[in-house]
Amino acid sequence: MLAHYTKGNALTVQKTLGQKSILNTMKYIHTIEFKDDDFDETVATTSEEVRQLPKTEWEKYDEMATNEATIHFYRKPKRFGGLQ
């Protein structure tokens, strides 16, 4: 989760986990696969929400147009292990 939360930043993962070799860190990072339930999800329907969500660590992954509005789907990795 830390690798995904930091968008694959191996140096941050290495430092946080106290690993001495970046090669060991990379060995584990590339094997990680995430399921849809590893994420919190939300939607944005107003232009203000669309502007604000990316500023608060939400990542847009889809959108859907309806007759009334465009719905923007966002997600972010679930929090874990006390890391905020």
Protein backbone atom coordinates (compact mmCIF):
# COMPACT_ATOMS: atom_id res chain seq x y z
CA MET A 1 0.00 0.00 0.00
CA LEU A 2 2.82 2.41 0.76
CA ALA A 3 4.24 1.91 -2.73
CA HIS A 4 0.88 2.58 -4.29
CA TYR A 5 0.10 5.51 -2.01
CA THR A 6 3.42 7.15 -2.94
CA LYS A 7 2.87 6.34 -6.63
CA GLY A 8 5.76 3.88 -6.69
CA ASN A 9 8.34 6.11 -5.00
CA ALA A 10 10.86 3.41 -4.11
CA LEU A 11 13.09 5.76 -2.10
CA THR A 12 10.22 6.73 0.21
CA VAL A 13 9.28 3.08 0.66
CA GLN A 14 12.90 2.12 1.32
CA LYS A 15 13.34 4.85 3.94
CA THR A 16 10.00 4.17 5.66
CA LEU A 17 10.63 0.43 5.90
CA GLY A 18 14.29 0.88 6.88
CA GLN A 19 15.62 -1.25 4.04
CA LYS A 20 19.31 -0.90 3.23
CA SER A 21 19.17 -1.87 -0.44
CA ILE A 22 16.98 -0.20 -3.03
CA LEU A 23 17.15 -3.48 -4.97
CA ASN A 24 15.27 -5.28 -2.18
CA THR A 25 12.64 -2.55 -2.16
CA MET A 26 12.19 -2.74 -5.93
CA LYS A 27 11.92 -6.53 -5.78
CA TYR A 28 8.75 -6.23 -3.71
CA ILE A 29 7.22 -3.12 -5.26
CA HIS A 30 6.91 -4.58 -8.75
CA THR A 31 4.96 -7.62 -7.51
CA ILE A 32 2.15 -5.61 -5.92
CA GLU A 33 -1.30 -5.81 -7.51
CA PHE A 34 -4.23 -3.86 -6.11
CA LYS A 35 -7.90 -4.77 -6.15
CA ASP A 36 -10.74 -2.29 -6.46
CA ASP A 37 -11.58 -2.69 -2.78
CA ASP A 38 -8.14 -1.31 -1.82
CA PHE A 39 -9.47 2.16 -2.65
CA ASP A 40 -11.88 4.67 -1.20
CA GLU A 41 -14.06 6.12 -3.94
CA THR A 42 -16.07 9.30 -4.41
CA VAL A 43 -17.71 11.28 -7.19
CA ALA A 44 -17.70 14.92 -8.25
CA THR A 45 -20.63 16.54 -10.02
CA THR A 46 -19.84 20.24 -9.70
CA SER A 47 -16.94 22.19 -11.16
CA GLU A 48 -15.84 23.15 -7.63
CA GLU A 49 -15.63 19.49 -6.58
CA VAL A 50 -13.68 18.66 -9.76
CA ARG A 51 -11.15 21.39 -8.86
CA GLN A 52 -10.85 20.48 -5.17
CA LEU A 53 -10.62 16.68 -5.15
CA PRO A 54 -7.21 16.38 -6.87
CA LYS A 55 -5.81 18.83 -4.30
CA THR A 56 -6.75 16.40 -1.53
CA GLU A 57 -5.03 13.28 -2.92
CA TRP A 58 -7.98 11.97 -4.96
CA GLU A 59 -7.12 10.61 -8.42
CA LYS A 60 -9.65 10.77 -11.26
CA TYR A 61 -10.12 7.41 -12.95
CA ASP A 62 -13.35 7.70 -14.97
CA GLU A 63 -16.26 9.90 -15.94
CA MET A 64 -19.79 9.38 -17.18
CA ALA A 65 -22.03 11.86 -19.00
CA THR A 66 -25.73 11.92 -18.18
CA ASN A 67 -28.50 14.19 -19.45
CA GLU A 68 -28.17 16.35 -16.34
CA ALA A 69 -24.40 16.48 -15.72
CA THR A 70 -21.05 14.79 -16.07
CA ILE A 71 -20.12 12.59 -13.14
CA HIS A 72 -16.39 12.35 -12.39
CA PHE A 73 -15.17 9.28 -10.46
CA TYR A 74 -12.22 9.61 -8.08
CA ARG A 75 -10.37 7.18 -5.86
CA LYS A 76 -7.44 7.06 -3.47
CA PRO A 77 -5.73 4.20 -1.64
CA LYS A 78 -7.26 3.35 1.71
CA ARG A 79 -5.29 4.52 4.73
CA PHE A 80 -3.26 1.85 6.49
CA GLY A 81 -0.94 1.20 9.40
CA GLY A 82 -1.14 4.67 10.94
CA LEU A 83 0.40 6.38 7.91
CA GLN A 84 -1.59 9.48 7.17
